[in-house]
Amino acid sequence: MIHTTKDYDKFKITKDNRTMDIAHKDKLKESMKIDDILSLRPILIRENGEVIDGQHRLTAAKELGLEIHYMIADGSDSSLDEYNKVIQDLRPFINEIDRLKKENKELKRENKGVAR
């Protein structure tokens, strides 16, 4: 089940999370200004709020004041299977958004050349 909240204190980044890549986080922020990528790729947390997957998305969304979409892994294989299924089901949509972004970027580049 996917939950939503703006209670950022619910989430805990731990020493087990990888080091924050500021450039990656900033790129996600720019994308989040255009797309609702959090609803397409929810953050995965443990029952105690520790982030398992999505620390960069969480940090970017928090900085933008956006609602967080997340799933809770209860420690069972079935909760991780559910998360992976959600991601797998959304993969075609994520791929299409990525394709359209790339196409839009190319069109903007072409239009700049025409305007000169």
C-alpha atoms as a PDB file:
ATOM      1  CA  MET A   1       0.000   0.000   0.000  1.00  0.00           C
ATOM      2  CA  ILE A   2       1.297   3.463  -0.902  1.00  0.00           C
ATOM      3  CA  HIS A   3       0.963   6.133   1.801  1.00  0.00           C
ATOM      4  CA  THR A   4       1.399   9.909   1.499  1.00  0.00           C
ATOM      5  CA  THR A   5       2.495  12.539   4.010  1.00  0.00           C
ATOM      6  CA  LYS A   6       4.232  15.871   4.452  1.00  0.00           C
ATOM      7  CA  ASP A   7       5.448  14.811   7.905  1.00  0.00           C
ATOM      8  CA  TYR A   8       9.118  14.721   6.954  1.00  0.00           C
ATOM      9  CA  ASP A   9      10.125  13.866  10.532  1.00  0.00           C
ATOM     10  CA  LYS A  10       8.586  10.420   9.953  1.00  0.00           C
ATOM     11  CA  PHE A  11      11.631   9.483   7.839  1.00  0.00           C
ATOM     12  CA  LYS A  12      15.124   8.683   9.065  1.00  0.00           C
ATOM     13  CA  ILE A  13      18.270   8.632   6.962  1.00  0.00           C
ATOM     14  CA  THR A  14      20.737   6.180   8.514  1.00  0.00           C
ATOM     15  CA  LYS A  15      24.441   5.478   8.227  1.00  0.00           C
ATOM     16  CA  ASP A  16      23.482   2.505   6.031  1.00  0.00           C
ATOM     17  CA  ASN A  17      22.211   4.891   3.344  1.00  0.00           C
ATOM     18  CA  ARG A  18      24.742   5.851   0.725  1.00  0.00           C
ATOM     19  CA  THR A  19      26.397   9.259   0.814  1.00  0.00           C
ATOM     20  CA  MET A  20      24.165  12.049  -0.472  1.00  0.00           C
ATOM     21  CA  ASP A  21      25.019  12.905  -4.079  1.00  0.00           C
ATOM     22  CA  ILE A  22      24.087  16.599  -4.224  1.00  0.00           C
ATOM     23  CA  ALA A  23      24.144  16.739  -8.031  1.00  0.00           C
ATOM     24  CA  HIS A  24      21.776  13.758  -8.231  1.00  0.00           C
ATOM     25  CA  LYS A  25      19.464  15.282  -5.605  1.00  0.00           C
ATOM     26  CA  ASP A  26      19.417  18.613  -7.451  1.00  0.00           C
ATOM     27  CA  LYS A  27      18.625  16.850 -10.735  1.00  0.00           C
ATOM     28  CA  LEU A  28      15.716  15.100  -9.015  1.00  0.00           C
ATOM     29  CA  LYS A  29      14.493  18.460  -7.676  1.00  0.00           C
ATOM     30  CA  GLU A  30      14.409  19.892 -11.182  1.00  0.00           C
ATOM     31  CA  SER A  31      12.503  16.842 -12.396  1.00  0.00           C
ATOM     32  CA  MET A  32      10.069  17.083  -9.479  1.00  0.00           C
ATOM     33  CA  LYS A  33       9.219  20.644 -10.476  1.00  0.00           C
ATOM     34  CA  ILE A  34       7.858  19.197 -13.738  1.00  0.00           C
ATOM     35  CA  ASP A  35       6.724  15.642 -12.895  1.00  0.00           C
ATOM     36  CA  ASP A  36       5.191  13.899  -9.924  1.00  0.00           C
ATOM     37  CA  ILE A  37       7.916  11.256  -9.877  1.00  0.00           C
ATOM     38  CA  LEU A  38       7.294  10.413  -6.228  1.00  0.00           C
ATOM     39  CA  SER A  39       3.907   8.924  -7.003  1.00  0.00           C
ATOM     40  CA  LEU A  40       5.551   6.862  -9.744  1.00  0.00           C
ATOM     41  CA  ARG A  41       8.400   5.695  -7.517  1.00  0.00           C
ATOM     42  CA  PRO A  42       7.453   5.704  -3.833  1.00  0.00           C
ATOM     43  CA  ILE A  43      10.089   5.712  -1.125  1.00  0.00           C
ATOM     44  CA  LEU A  44      10.559   2.442   0.757  1.00  0.00           C
ATOM     45  CA  ILE A  45      10.936   2.645   4.535  1.00  0.00           C
ATOM     46  CA  ARG A  46      11.092   0.269   7.470  1.00  0.00           C
ATOM     47  CA  GLU A  47       8.334   0.354  10.084  1.00  0.00           C
ATOM     48  CA  ASN A  48      10.553   2.577  12.249  1.00  0.00           C
ATOM     49  CA  GLY A  49      10.875   5.153   9.436  1.00  0.00           C
ATOM     50  CA  GLU A  50      14.387   4.263   8.279  1.00  0.00           C
ATOM     51  CA  VAL A  51      14.743   4.857   4.551  1.00  0.00           C
ATOM     52  CA  ILE A  52      15.610   1.720   2.607  1.00  0.00           C
ATOM     53  CA  ASP A  53      15.274   3.177  -0.886  1.00  0.00           C
ATOM     54  CA  GLY A  54      14.730   6.791  -1.907  1.00  0.00           C
ATOM     55  CA  GLN A  55      16.864   9.065   0.257  1.00  0.00           C
ATOM     56  CA  HIS A  56      17.637  11.379  -2.669  1.00  0.00           C
ATOM     57  CA  ARG A  57      13.964  11.603  -3.680  1.00  0.00           C
ATOM     58  CA  LEU A  58      13.000  12.207  -0.055  1.00  0.00           C
ATOM     59  CA  THR A  59      15.553  14.987   0.422  1.00  0.00           C
ATOM     60  CA  ALA A  60      14.641  16.660  -2.876  1.00  0.00           C
ATOM     61  CA  ALA A  61      10.902  16.510  -2.132  1.00  0.00           C
ATOM     62  CA  LYS A  62      11.437  17.840   1.382  1.00  0.00           C
ATOM     63  CA  GLU A  63      13.422  20.803   0.037  1.00  0.00           C
ATOM     64  CA  LEU A  64      10.541  21.544  -2.368  1.00  0.00           C
ATOM     65  CA  GLY A  65       7.858  21.034   0.284  1.00  0.00           C
ATOM     66  CA  LEU A  66       6.233  18.204  -1.676  1.00  0.00           C
ATOM     67  CA  GLU A  67       4.125  15.357  -0.370  1.00  0.00           C
ATOM     68  CA  ILE A  68       6.045  12.112   0.120  1.00  0.00           C
ATOM     69  CA  HIS A  69       4.694   8.880  -1.362  1.00  0.00           C
ATOM     70  CA  TYR A  70       6.068   5.890   0.509  1.00  0.00           C
ATOM     71  CA  MET A  71       5.623   2.203   1.253  1.00  0.00           C
ATOM     72  CA  ILE A  72       6.407   0.452   4.517  1.00  0.00           C
ATOM     73  CA  ALA A  73       8.417  -2.772   4.443  1.00  0.00           C
ATOM     74  CA  ASP A  74       7.336  -4.843   7.400  1.00  0.00           C
ATOM     75  CA  GLY A  75      10.399  -7.060   7.192  1.00  0.00           C
ATOM     76  CA  SER A  76       8.628  -9.799   5.285  1.00  0.00           C
ATOM     77  CA  ASP A  77       9.527 -10.853   1.791  1.00  0.00           C
ATOM     78  CA  SER A  78       5.936 -10.130   0.737  1.00  0.00           C
ATOM     79  CA  SER A  79       6.251  -6.395   1.500  1.00  0.00           C
ATOM     80  CA  LEU A  80       9.441  -6.169  -0.573  1.00  0.00           C
ATOM     81  CA  ASP A  81       7.745  -8.187  -3.312  1.00  0.00           C
ATOM     82  CA  GLU A  82       4.837  -5.723  -3.245  1.00  0.00           C
ATOM     83  CA  TYR A  83       7.241  -2.760  -3.550  1.00  0.00           C
ATOM     84  CA  ASN A  84       9.086  -4.397  -6.442  1.00  0.00           C
ATOM     85  CA  LYS A  85       5.766  -5.159  -8.155  1.00  0.00           C
ATOM     86  CA  VAL A  86       4.659  -1.525  -7.846  1.00  0.00           C
ATOM     87  CA  ILE A  87       7.958  -0.374  -9.358  1.00  0.00           C
ATOM     88  CA  GLN A  88       7.715  -3.008 -12.108  1.00  0.00           C
ATOM     89  CA  ASP A  89       4.096  -2.035 -12.897  1.00  0.00           C
ATOM     90  CA  LEU A  90       5.083   1.629 -13.113  1.00  0.00           C
ATOM     91  CA  ARG A  91       8.230   1.022 -15.181  1.00  0.00           C
ATOM     92  CA  PRO A  92       6.489   1.542 -18.594  1.00  0.00           C
ATOM     93  CA  PHE A  93       5.154   4.909 -17.408  1.00  0.00           C
ATOM     94  CA  ILE A  94       8.519   5.954 -16.006  1.00  0.00           C
ATOM     95  CA  ASN A  95      10.211   4.953 -19.273  1.00  0.00           C
ATOM     96  CA  GLU A  96       7.651   6.929 -21.307  1.00  0.00           C
ATOM     97  CA  ILE A  97       8.147  10.021 -19.152  1.00  0.00           C
ATOM     98  CA  ASP A  98      11.915   9.719 -19.588  1.00  0.00           C
ATOM     99  CA  ARG A  99      11.467   9.361 -23.361  1.00  0.00           C
ATOM    100  CA  LEU A 100       9.200  12.413 -23.540  1.00  0.00           C
ATOM    101  CA  LYS A 101      11.620  14.483 -21.444  1.00  0.00           C
ATOM    102  CA  LYS A 102      14.455  13.579 -23.789  1.00  0.00           C
ATOM    103  CA  GLU A 103      12.304  14.379 -26.824  1.00  0.00           C
ATOM    104  CA  ASN A 104      11.277  17.711 -25.296  1.00  0.00           C
ATOM    105  CA  LYS A 105      14.906  18.590 -24.585  1.00  0.00           C
ATOM    106  CA  GLU A 106      15.853  17.811 -28.197  1.00  0.00           C
ATOM    107  CA  LEU A 107      12.965  19.930 -29.526  1.00  0.00           C
ATOM    108  CA  LYS A 108      14.022  22.861 -27.347  1.00  0.00           C
ATOM    109  CA  ARG A 109      17.571  22.532 -28.655  1.00  0.00           C
ATOM    110  CA  GLU A 110      16.291  22.450 -32.258  1.00  0.00           C
ATOM    111  CA  ASN A 111      14.064  25.478 -31.652  1.00  0.00           C
ATOM    112  CA  LYS A 112      17.000  27.465 -30.297  1.00  0.00           C
ATOM    113  CA  GLY A 113      18.821  26.788 -33.550  1.00  0.00           C
ATOM    114  CA  VAL A 114      15.825  27.971 -35.620  1.00  0.00           C
ATOM    115  CA  ALA A 115      15.414  31.162 -33.585  1.00  0.00           C
ATOM    116  CA  ARG A 116      18.953  32.333 -34.353  1.00  0.00           C
END
